[in-house]
Each structure stands twice: as structure tokens, then as C-alpha cells.
């Protein structure tokens, strides 16, 4: 069995999951272009989440295992196309962001700390990320804060917002399934409530974390007054709260890593090493991106009023990249633990799925489609053969070239064999030299006319291709000429307001020249492949005819 390539490469043997034994059993033969249960590699032994042979702590991994894990993480991050997955998650994040903010702001409004907490969180994001991203969020968030926070409408709004916000969690679960090399096997009636529960818990935890940023200061001051520390307690807490908040965020990400994929994890770790790496990567990447946007980026010149939205989308994409990188690290760390324990996980992680009902249902449908396609192919093949046989039976027998005597006397005046078995005059061996010469002349004349016609058609087709190639080359040369003119006029006038005049002219000229050069090269290649207009196929056909005549003469 081969693993994925871009998507997933197909296998030759379908397998089904046996829940009682915890293994994949061989099934029907078939191929598929999508990831199904048969794409899971199993060595036949039980695939258990917990195995006493595996190292329990990351510190128990050997140095070669760590080297393998780090190298494999980088390769799988690229192989699983995590940049594309992050782009998809960014789309779902945009759709889920404001419903999620509505839920969080509504929860904070219950404590009367909505506006203060949101302002503090936005200031924190502005300190870490690009300013343009915060400016994009500030207006809609302030409108949410000022909205009424009571009544049935609020409850219905929270329920609808929670449903919309769960779209991101569902997309994140599908990305985790690709990372853990498994298809989603949970039915929709089980998967959707589970994702809603995870979304609700994550939003509640995020709201509590944001609330702690605001109310923790007065609480720390009150505690300090009681124990006699006063303002010192506030200073201590203002420093100590950041590690606490960081741990809470890591725990939220660890829950996403553990609960969203369709695999049974060995055990839940509140402090996931992959989540820690994801947060550290996100902080470093956010600071670097903010520094780039503030000092080197020209998004305002390029995108104008859309610059804030573009920067915000890029920042969300970087955030999702960091989350997926941490998930890849956790998956490869589990692979390293399995390999060090002697489990055959070099091709596919040996973790049992949470549920396989959807996998088995999809496999049954896939097999049905294969059988229907096979029946359709065989039916058309049989009907095609029958049609060909019927056409062959209805076709009249081809007329055989008759000698001059038969042509002169009519078809009823052909000579038959004598009673003594003498061959008829239609036998070439009984024809005279003059008759044979006449027959040969007629057949050669027909052959020459046919081959000349074929040669003319072939030369005409090649001439047409040459004309097309020359036309494309001419268009390319014209574009090159226009590119030279663009160096002087269009490029400078078009981009001088955005970039330096010389840089604008250089960029436009290079683009136009590249297009013109490509067209010229394509046209020259087509002309080369078509020239010279020699009827090579006709020449080869004549050569075969001559060889056939030589063999019969011999």
C-alpha cells in the first residue's frame, strides 16, 4: 500500500476495520483516488492507543528518534500541503470569527465587563500582531459590545453564532485527519454535536482568559491588602499572569489537537508539546510579521483601503500555519514513540480510529460505483462488438479486379475450370503477358493516384501548422517590440505613483518581454516540429508498397 501523493495514492486491496480485534482486515480488490479505510497501513497486529512499549515521556526518546521526528515534521508539513490547509482554515476563520466574538462578548456582558475586556484584548493583539489587523477588527467588535445583551433574541443569537463558529472547528478536524492519515469515520449525527461541544468549551475558556486580564488586577490588589503586600501584589501578578494565560491558551489548543481528529490518542496531556511549539511559533511569527508590515511592507500603496483586511487575512493564515505545524509535530512525536517501541509506524501511524461507520459506508458506495462502472463498460463493449459483427455481415463482398476479358464479355462470361481440373483463365498463372501488364498498369496507376492525394493532404496540414507557428512567433516579436516601448511610456506613467519610476518601468518591461519571449519560443518550436512540409507518412506508405511488390516478384 502506498501513502498519499498530493491527495492520496490508491491501493490495490481494500481493507475494513474490525472493531473487536483492532485491526484492518483484507477485503475486496479495487482502486480509489480518495483517502479511504484501505489507505491505512496496518501490520496485522493490534493497533492500540496505549502500549506499554512506547516511551511515556518525550525525554525518554533517544537522540536518533528526536532527529527523525524533527526531520519528519518538516517533510510532512510540506507533504500534507499545510499551507493550503491553512488557507482553507483562514476562510473558515473569517466566517466563524464574528459569530465567535458575539458569543464571547455576550458571555462577558453577563459580568458587566464586555467593553473593558474587549478593549484589553484588542490592545494585546495590537502589541503582538500588525496594527492594521486590529483596526479591521475594532469597528465590528465595538458594535457587538454596544448591542443589547438580554432576552430571548440573545439566546437565539448565541445559539446561531455557536453553530456558525463550529465551522472552523470542523474544518480544523478535517485538517487533523489528514495529518494523522485517516478519513473521517464518525457519522454526522455524532460528529456535529461533538464539534459544537468543543467550540462551546473553547469559547468559554477564551472568554474566561480574556476576563482574567481585566478582573485579575483588582483581585490581586485586594489580596495584597489583606496579606500586607499592597501594590506589590499587583506588580507581581501583572508579571505572573502572562505565563498563566499562556498555559491556558496552550490547554485550549491541546484540546483541539486531542478531540478533533478521528483517532484515539494515547492519552490527553494538558500541556501538549505540539501546542507549546505552536504558540511559540505564532508569537515569533506575529512579531516578525508586524515588524515587516510596519517597516518594509507597502500594503497601503498596493491595496489602498483594503490594506487592513489583507494584513488581517495574512495574519490569520500565519496563525493557522503555526497551529498546523504544532499538530504535525505532535503526530510525528507519536510516530517516533511507536518506532522506538518497535511498532511498524514508518509508513502510517498505528492509532485506532474513534469510529469507522462512515468509512465503511463510503467504502461500500465506492465498491458499488466500481461495479456499476464495470457493468457499464462491459455492456458497451459487448454491444460495440455485436454492432461491428452486424455491420461486417451486411457489408457486400468487395469486387475483385477482373481481367480485360471479363470486363469485355460481362460478369457472366468468366471462364470456369474444365472438367479435367484445368485452372480458369481468371487465374493469373493462365493470363498472357499482355493481360498481366495491363492489370499491373491499372493497379499501379490507381496506387499512384491514391498516394499522391495522401501526400497533398499531408503537405497541406503541415503547411497550416507552419503558418500557425509563424503567426504566433510574429505576435511574440510584436509584443517584444511593444515591451521596449513600454520601457519609455506606459510603465513609467502607470506605476510612478506607487514605486520609483525606474523600478516601475523595469518591472513592466520584464513582464512584457517575458511574455513575448515565451510566445516566440512556442511559435518557433511549433514551426520546427512541423517543418519541412514533407509527406513523410506517404513516403513510408509507398516504401512499404514497393517492398511488398518486390517480395511477390521474388
Foldseek 3Di string as FASTA:
>chain_A
DAAQFQAGFWDQWAWDADVVQQFTHTDDTDIDPHQFPRNFDAPPHHQAQDDPLFDPDLVPFDPVLVVQLVVQLVVLCVRLVLLVLLLVLLVLCVQLVLLLLLLLLLVVVVVPCNVVLVVVVLVVCVVQFAPLQSVVVVVSSVVSNPDDRDDPVSVVSNVVSLLSNLSSLQSLLCSLQSLQRHDDADDPVPQSVLSSVLSVVLSVLVSVLSVCVPPVQVVQQVVCVVVVNHCVSSVVCVVVSVVVSLLSQLQSLQCSLQRRYQFHHSDRDSRQPLSNQLVVQLRVVRNVLNVCCVPPDDLCLVPPPCSSVVSNSVSSSSSSSSSSSSSSSRSSSQLSSCVSSVGPPPRHRSTRGNHHNRSVVVVVVVVVVVVVVVVVVVVVVVVVVVVVVVVVVPDDDDDDDFWPVCVVVDVVPFFCADPVRRHGCRPVVNDDPVRVVVVVVVVVVVVVVVLVVLLVVQLVVLVVLLVVLVVLLVVLVVLLVVLVVLLPPVQQVPCVVRDPSNVSSVVSSVVSNVVSVVSNVVSVVSNVVSPPSGSVVSVVVVVVVVVVVVVVVD
